[in-house]
Protein backbone atom coordinates (compact mmCIF):
# COMPACT_ATOMS: atom_id res chain seq x y z
CA MET A 1 82.65 77.27 100.45
CA LYS A 2 82.30 79.66 103.37
CA MET A 3 84.14 82.94 103.79
CA SER A 4 84.09 84.23 107.34
CA VAL A 5 83.17 87.93 107.16
CA GLY A 6 83.06 90.78 109.64
CA HIS A 7 80.30 93.08 110.78
CA ALA A 8 78.57 95.16 108.11
CA GLY A 9 80.31 98.48 107.62
CA HIS A 10 83.71 97.36 108.87
CA PRO A 11 86.61 97.10 106.41
CA GLU A 12 86.65 93.31 106.62
CA HIS A 13 83.03 93.12 105.47
CA PHE A 14 83.44 95.68 102.70
CA LEU A 15 86.62 94.03 101.37
CA SER A 16 85.13 90.53 101.65
CA GLU A 17 82.26 91.56 99.37
CA VAL A 18 84.78 92.60 96.71
CA LEU A 19 86.66 89.30 97.04
CA ILE A 20 83.45 87.22 96.91
CA GLU A 21 82.53 89.00 93.66
CA ILE A 22 85.97 88.30 92.18
CA ALA A 23 85.74 84.62 93.13
CA ALA A 24 82.26 84.37 91.55
CA GLY A 25 83.68 85.70 88.29
CA ALA A 26 86.10 82.77 88.32
CA GLY A 27 83.30 80.28 88.93
CA ILE A 28 84.03 79.85 92.65
CA ARG A 29 81.15 80.43 95.05
CA LEU A 30 82.19 81.91 98.37
CA GLU A 31 79.32 82.23 100.82
CA GLY A 32 79.77 85.03 103.33
CA LYS A 33 79.26 83.75 106.85
CA ALA A 34 79.12 85.92 109.99
CA PHE A 35 79.57 83.76 113.07
CA ASP A 36 78.05 84.48 116.47
CA GLY A 37 80.29 86.83 118.36
CA GLY A 38 81.62 87.65 114.91
CA GLY A 39 84.56 89.78 115.96
CA GLU A 40 88.00 89.53 114.45
CA ALA A 41 89.15 86.73 116.76
CA ARG A 42 86.08 84.61 115.95
CA ARG A 43 86.58 85.07 112.21
CA ILE A 44 90.18 83.90 112.31
CA ALA A 45 89.34 81.03 114.64
CA SER A 46 86.56 79.85 112.30
CA VAL A 47 89.18 79.14 109.60
CA HIS A 48 91.61 77.54 112.03
CA GLU A 49 88.84 75.29 113.39
CA GLY A 50 87.47 74.34 109.96
CA MET A 51 84.10 76.14 110.14
CA ALA A 52 85.05 78.37 107.20
CA GLU A 53 87.56 77.87 104.42
CA VAL A 54 88.64 81.48 103.83
CA SER A 55 88.77 84.81 105.65
CA LEU A 56 90.52 88.14 105.56
CA ALA A 57 92.77 89.90 108.05
CA MET A 58 95.19 92.76 108.31
CA ALA A 59 98.72 91.47 107.74
CA GLU A 60 99.62 92.26 111.35
CA THR A 61 96.65 90.27 112.64
CA ALA A 62 97.49 87.30 110.41
CA ARG A 63 101.05 87.28 111.68
CA TRP A 64 100.02 87.64 115.32
CA THR A 65 97.48 84.82 115.11
CA TYR A 66 99.96 82.42 113.53
CA ARG A 67 102.83 83.25 115.87
CA ALA A 68 100.82 83.94 119.04
CA GLU A 69 102.07 87.51 119.30
CA GLY A 70 100.55 90.90 120.08
CA ALA A 71 96.80 90.68 120.67
CA TYR A 72 96.96 86.88 120.23
CA ASP A 73 99.67 86.10 122.75
CA GLY A 74 99.20 82.46 123.80
CA TRP A 75 96.60 81.72 121.14
CA ARG A 76 98.38 80.30 118.09
CA HIS A 77 96.52 79.36 114.89
CA THR A 78 99.01 77.05 113.22
CA SER A 79 96.70 75.90 110.41
CA LEU A 80 96.45 79.31 108.71
CA ARG A 81 97.93 79.71 105.24
CA ALA A 82 98.21 82.78 102.97
CA LEU A 83 96.46 82.73 99.60
CA SER A 84 96.95 86.28 98.42
CA ALA A 85 97.59 89.80 99.70
CA PHE A 86 96.73 93.35 98.70
CA GLN A 87 96.96 96.93 99.87
CA TYR A 88 94.15 98.80 101.58
CA PRO A 89 96.00 101.31 103.78
CA GLN A 90 94.93 102.38 107.23
CA TRP A 91 96.55 104.57 109.82
CA LEU A 92 95.93 104.92 113.54
CA GLY A 93 94.11 108.19 114.04
CA ILE A 94 94.20 110.00 117.39
CA ALA A 95 92.33 113.29 117.65
CA ALA A 96 90.99 115.51 120.42
CA ARG A 97 88.48 118.32 120.28
CA TRP A 98 90.22 121.69 120.48
CA GLU A 99 87.94 122.63 123.36
CA SER A 100 89.27 119.72 125.45
CA GLY A 101 92.69 121.35 125.88
CA ILE A 102 94.45 118.10 124.89
CA GLY A 103 97.33 119.03 122.59
CA THR A 104 99.63 116.01 122.93
CA LEU A 105 99.41 112.45 124.21
CA ASP A 106 101.24 113.58 127.37
CA ASP A 107 98.25 115.75 128.27
CA LEU A 108 96.23 112.58 128.87
CA ARG A 109 98.16 111.86 132.07
CA ASP A 110 96.26 114.43 134.11
CA ALA A 111 93.07 114.88 132.08
CA ARG A 112 89.83 114.27 133.96
CA ASN A 113 86.14 113.94 133.13
CA MET A 114 86.62 113.52 129.40
CA ARG A 115 84.74 111.41 126.87
CA LEU A 116 86.70 108.70 125.03
CA ILE A 117 85.67 106.74 121.92
CA ALA A 118 88.10 103.97 120.99
CA PRO A 119 88.24 100.24 120.18
CA LEU A 120 87.93 98.70 123.63
CA ALA A 121 88.65 95.19 124.88
CA GLY A 122 85.91 92.74 123.89
CA GLY A 123 84.92 94.75 120.81
CA ALA A 124 84.93 93.76 117.15
CA SER A 125 88.70 93.97 116.68
CA ALA A 126 91.18 92.34 119.02
CA THR A 127 94.00 93.96 117.05
CA TRP A 128 92.74 97.54 117.23
CA SER A 129 91.69 97.28 120.89
CA PHE A 130 95.16 95.93 121.72
CA ILE A 131 96.83 98.82 119.87
CA ALA A 132 94.54 101.49 121.35
CA GLU A 133 95.10 100.22 124.88
CA ARG A 134 98.90 100.20 124.39
CA VAL A 135 98.84 103.77 123.11
CA LEU A 136 96.70 104.96 126.02
CA SER A 137 98.81 103.05 128.54
CA ALA A 138 102.03 104.53 127.19
CA SER A 139 100.45 107.95 127.62
CA GLY A 140 99.65 107.22 131.26
CA ALA A 141 95.97 106.71 130.50
CA LYS A 142 94.98 103.05 130.83
CA THR A 143 91.27 102.61 130.19
CA ALA A 144 90.57 101.46 133.76
CA GLU A 145 92.45 104.44 135.19
CA LEU A 146 90.56 106.84 132.92
CA VAL A 147 87.27 105.57 134.32
CA GLU A 148 88.58 106.22 137.82
CA ARG A 149 89.34 109.79 136.72
CA GLY A 150 85.78 110.36 135.60
CA TRP A 151 86.20 109.59 131.91
CA ARG A 152 83.22 108.18 130.04
CA THR A 153 84.33 105.48 127.59
CA GLU A 154 82.54 103.91 124.64
CA ASP A 155 83.63 101.17 122.23
CA LEU A 156 84.07 102.47 118.70
CA ALA A 157 81.70 99.85 117.26
CA ASN A 158 78.80 101.21 119.32
CA ALA A 159 79.57 104.92 119.16
CA GLN A 160 78.23 106.13 115.82
CA GLN A 161 75.44 108.23 117.38
CA ARG A 162 77.85 109.79 119.86
CA VAL A 163 80.16 110.77 117.01
CA GLU A 164 77.25 112.24 115.04
CA HIS A 165 76.27 114.37 118.07
CA GLY A 166 79.85 115.39 118.86
CA ASP A 167 79.61 113.61 122.19
CA PHE A 168 83.35 112.96 122.64
CA ASP A 169 86.59 114.66 123.60
CA LEU A 170 89.11 112.08 122.37
CA LEU A 171 88.73 109.75 119.39
CA VAL A 172 91.14 106.84 118.79
CA ALA A 173 90.27 104.82 115.69
CA PRO A 174 91.54 103.35 112.41
CA LEU A 175 91.62 105.89 109.63
CA GLY A 176 91.63 104.55 106.10
CA ALA A 177 90.42 104.62 102.54
CA PRO A 178 86.74 105.22 101.68
CA GLY A 179 84.18 102.45 101.91
CA SER A 180 84.24 101.50 105.58
CA LEU A 181 82.58 102.50 108.82
CA TYR A 182 85.87 103.94 110.07
CA ALA A 183 86.08 106.35 107.13
CA HIS A 184 82.51 107.49 107.86
CA VAL A 185 83.30 107.98 111.56
CA TRP A 186 86.25 110.26 110.82
CA HIS A 187 84.40 112.17 108.11
CA THR A 188 81.52 112.82 110.51
CA ALA A 189 83.77 113.69 113.44
CA SER A 190 85.73 116.20 111.37
CA ILE A 191 82.50 117.98 110.41
CA VAL A 192 80.80 118.11 113.81
CA ALA A 193 83.92 118.98 115.84
CA ASN A 194 87.09 121.00 115.54
CA LEU A 195 89.69 118.26 115.74
CA ARG A 196 93.31 118.50 116.78
CA PHE A 197 95.16 115.41 115.51
CA LEU A 198 97.85 114.10 117.85
CA ALA A 199 101.15 112.75 116.55
CA MET A 200 102.71 109.66 118.13
CA PRO A 201 106.20 110.35 119.53
CA ASP A 202 109.15 108.61 117.87
CA THR A 203 109.99 106.68 121.05
CA LEU A 204 106.51 105.15 121.16
CA LEU A 205 106.55 104.35 117.44
CA ALA A 206 109.95 102.67 117.82
CA GLU A 207 108.56 100.56 120.68
CA PHE A 208 105.64 99.36 118.56
CA GLU A 209 108.03 98.60 115.72
CA SER A 210 110.50 96.60 117.80
CA GLN A 211 108.04 94.78 120.07
CA TYR A 212 105.12 94.11 117.74
CA GLY A 213 106.49 94.46 114.20
CA LEU A 214 104.25 97.40 113.31
CA HIS A 215 105.11 100.12 110.78
CA ARG A 216 105.36 103.85 111.16
CA ALA A 217 104.44 106.34 108.45
CA ALA A 218 103.01 109.80 108.01
CA LEU A 219 99.30 110.27 107.53
CA PRO A 220 99.24 112.56 104.46
CA ALA A 221 98.31 116.19 104.96
CA ARG A 222 94.65 116.97 104.19
CA TYR A 223 93.81 113.26 104.03
CA VAL A 224 91.01 114.22 106.41
CA ARG A 225 89.88 117.62 107.63
CA GLY A 226 92.07 118.73 110.52
CA VAL A 227 95.32 117.15 109.30
CA GLU A 228 97.17 120.22 108.03
CA THR A 229 100.66 118.70 107.90
CA PRO A 230 101.87 115.07 107.60
CA LEU A 231 101.20 113.30 110.89
CA SER A 232 103.52 110.68 112.37
CA THR A 233 101.58 107.58 113.41
CA LEU A 234 101.20 103.81 112.93
CA PHE A 235 100.58 102.53 109.41
CA PHE A 236 98.79 99.33 108.33
CA PRO A 237 99.12 98.96 104.54
CA ASP A 238 98.40 95.29 103.81
CA TRP A 239 95.68 92.68 104.07
CA VAL A 240 96.10 88.93 103.72
CA ILE A 241 93.51 86.45 102.45
CA VAL A 242 93.90 83.43 104.70
CA ALA A 243 92.75 79.84 104.33
CA SER A 244 93.16 76.61 106.19
CA GLU A 245 96.07 74.34 105.26
CA ARG A 246 93.32 71.77 104.57
CA LEU A 247 91.93 73.75 101.62
CA GLU A 248 92.19 71.65 98.45
CA ASP A 249 95.12 72.54 96.21
CA GLU A 250 92.99 73.16 93.11
CA VAL A 251 90.68 75.56 94.94
CA ALA A 252 93.54 77.43 96.62
CA MET A 253 95.33 77.90 93.31
CA ALA A 254 92.15 78.97 91.51
CA LEU A 255 91.32 81.57 94.16
CA SER A 256 94.84 82.95 94.17
CA ARG A 257 94.88 83.25 90.37
CA ALA A 258 91.43 84.85 90.32
CA PHE A 259 92.47 87.57 92.79
CA GLU A 260 95.62 88.21 90.78
CA ALA A 261 93.82 88.36 87.45
CA ARG A 262 91.16 90.79 88.73
CA ARG A 263 93.47 93.39 90.19
CA ASP A 264 91.31 95.96 88.34
CA ALA A 265 88.52 95.25 90.84
CA LEU A 266 90.90 96.02 93.71
CA LEU A 267 92.31 99.23 92.24
CA PRO A 268 89.32 101.45 93.20
CA LEU A 269 89.99 100.66 96.87
CA HIS A 270 92.80 103.20 96.80
CA ALA A 271 93.43 104.93 93.51
CA SER A 272 97.05 105.92 94.16
CA LEU A 273 98.29 102.39 94.83
CA ASP A 274 98.79 99.18 92.89
CA PRO A 275 97.05 96.93 95.41
CA LEU A 276 98.36 93.48 94.56
CA ARG A 277 100.98 91.98 96.88
CA SER A 278 102.91 88.74 97.03
CA PRO A 279 101.56 86.54 99.85
CA ASP A 280 105.13 85.97 101.04
CA GLY A 281 106.69 87.82 103.93
CA PHE A 282 103.74 88.30 106.25
CA GLY A 283 104.81 85.88 108.95
CA LEU A 284 102.67 82.88 108.03
CA PRO A 285 103.23 80.15 105.42
CA VAL A 286 101.86 80.44 101.90
CA HIS A 287 99.45 77.64 100.95
CA ARG A 288 101.45 74.82 99.35
CA ALA A 289 99.53 74.94 96.04
CA VAL A 290 99.90 78.71 95.72
CA LYS A 291 103.59 78.52 96.53
CA ARG A 292 104.13 75.74 93.99
CA ASP A 293 102.13 77.58 91.33
CA ARG A 294 104.12 80.77 91.83
CA GLN A 295 107.41 78.89 91.61
CA VAL A 296 106.39 77.21 88.33
CA ARG A 297 105.27 80.49 86.77
CA GLU A 298 108.40 82.31 87.91
CA ALA A 299 110.53 79.56 86.34
CA ILE A 300 108.62 79.88 83.05
CA MET A 301 109.03 83.66 83.03
CA SER A 302 112.72 83.28 83.79
CA ASP A 303 113.16 80.89 80.85
CA ARG A 304 111.29 83.26 78.55
CA SER A 305 113.39 86.24 79.57
CA ALA A 306 116.57 84.26 78.85
CA GLY A 307 115.46 83.97 75.20
CA PRO A 308 115.74 81.04 72.79
CA VAL A 309 118.96 79.03 72.66
CA THR A 310 120.10 78.20 69.11
CA GLY A 311 123.07 76.14 67.99
CA LYS A 312 125.74 74.49 70.06
CA GLN A 313 127.15 76.60 72.88
CA SER A 314 130.93 76.97 72.98
CA THR A 315 132.70 76.35 76.28
CA GLN A 316 135.83 78.23 75.16
CA SER A 317 136.53 81.88 75.68
CA PRO A 318 136.38 84.02 72.56
């Protein structure tokens, strides 16, 4: 079986390696496959089109692809089914160098000749580029307009050397738990530059919540150097393991049970959280076999909790 994986260093690749190892422990061989043009959209499409049986996506991405919303408006993947879900939290980080003079998102409206690093259209993540562009646009700083104002822009996926040399004024990027390229980018940026992290205003957060179903939460203080107090921003807590509706029932059930049984392998991803999640409630159907298996086990647990029934039950009041 093939598991469509992301570029090395990105969260999708790192998390996929953990899941492949868990599946192997249950006797299921998942072969990691990176497709040409292996960005997020290509990975999801490979499952929808039957070129891979399993992949991984942020919960928001999974919902958008199934419902043709957000970054996937007009491109609906109706064959996707959820197998399992777990937590691996990420926030949207927005930070400017102190020397740039940018103190709030409103300061972007008139800023000229700056250097931007962010997920840009056509990069590895359709979801993050969509979010970054919406944030910049709401701040009066669409990418195309920034270029006209003398800004130099670079896609996050290609900007590691620029980050290492401090060659940026504004950094917009996912910020999450250790183990991914994004974590390394922020760690490096916080060392080579004095960063001022920018909070997202409540009005903008409410717009993302109502229009795109995204969550707001505070990035914890001291989560990364430069964040001295909790920072209001977008929050992405959950990931969904997706498969095609054509995946055989026995395999789907075995994979789901394997991921559930090996929650200990997922715990190190973020020590303060219990990572396992129900696959329900993420905006796409649960695979029929997984849904049926969960219903049977819930019924058994319910019967057990009710306790044994002994003797004939009276229908009269005492």
